[in-house]
């Protein structure tokens, strides 16, 4: 794996947790194999409030 986020399929399989972590913290990761190039990109789930907003909205009124 290169430092810029390019992996072979074999490296991606053997370092799956690291692959996911780098996609989350660094950005999209490319995985190259004989059938093509795949890009792993993390999308935030915008449908859920973060913990601070949740607690603020649930606080007792008055």
Protein backbone atom coordinates (compact mmCIF):
# COMPACT_ATOMS: atom_id res chain seq x y z
CA UNK A 1 0.00 0.00 0.00
CA UNK A 2 1.23 3.45 -0.83
CA UNK A 3 0.84 6.35 1.55
CA UNK A 4 -1.56 8.15 -0.78
CA UNK A 5 -4.31 5.59 -0.32
CA UNK A 6 -3.69 3.06 -3.09
CA UNK A 7 -3.94 -0.61 -2.15
CA UNK A 8 -3.62 -3.91 -3.96
CA UNK A 9 -6.58 -6.22 -3.40
CA UNK A 10 -4.31 -8.55 -1.43
CA UNK A 11 -3.12 -5.73 0.88
CA UNK A 12 -6.67 -4.46 1.32
CA UNK A 13 -7.83 -7.93 2.40
CA UNK A 14 -5.01 -8.45 4.86
CA UNK A 15 -5.26 -4.90 6.30
CA UNK A 16 -9.03 -4.44 6.19
CA UNK A 17 -9.35 -2.59 9.51
CA UNK A 18 -6.55 -0.21 8.55
CA UNK A 19 -8.17 0.32 5.13
CA UNK A 20 -11.45 1.32 6.78
CA UNK A 21 -9.71 3.60 9.29
CA UNK A 22 -7.76 5.39 6.56
CA UNK A 23 -10.89 5.85 4.47
CA UNK A 24 -12.52 7.46 7.49
CA UNK A 25 -9.60 9.66 8.58
CA UNK A 26 -7.60 10.37 5.39
CA UNK A 27 -10.12 10.09 2.58
CA UNK A 28 -11.01 7.82 -0.31
CA UNK A 29 -8.86 4.71 -0.74
CA UNK A 30 -8.26 3.03 -4.10
CA UNK A 31 -8.14 -0.75 -4.32
CA UNK A 32 -6.58 -2.14 -7.51
CA UNK A 33 -7.06 -5.67 -8.79
CA UNK A 34 -7.23 -7.49 -12.13
CA UNK A 35 -10.87 -6.52 -12.71
CA UNK A 36 -10.54 -2.79 -12.11
CA UNK A 37 -10.05 -0.02 -9.59
CA UNK A 38 -12.44 0.29 -6.67
CA UNK A 39 -12.76 3.36 -4.45
CA UNK A 40 -13.73 3.11 -0.79
CA UNK A 41 -15.21 6.37 0.49
CA UNK A 42 -16.92 7.02 3.82
CA UNK A 43 -20.14 9.01 3.92
CA UNK A 44 -21.37 10.50 7.18
CA UNK A 45 -24.87 9.49 8.20
CA UNK A 46 -26.51 12.92 8.21
CA UNK A 47 -29.87 11.48 9.29
CA UNK A 48 -28.74 11.22 12.92
CA UNK A 49 -27.92 14.09 15.28
CA UNK A 50 -24.61 13.97 17.07
CA UNK A 51 -24.64 13.17 20.80
CA UNK A 52 -24.43 16.82 21.91
CA UNK A 53 -27.45 17.84 19.81
CA UNK A 54 -29.39 14.79 20.99
CA UNK A 55 -28.80 15.60 24.67
CA UNK A 56 -29.54 19.28 24.17
CA UNK A 57 -32.88 18.47 22.52
CA UNK A 58 -33.79 15.97 25.28
CA UNK A 59 -33.01 18.22 28.26
CA UNK A 60 -35.88 19.05 30.66
CA UNK A 61 -37.76 22.21 29.75
CA UNK A 62 -38.33 25.02 32.20
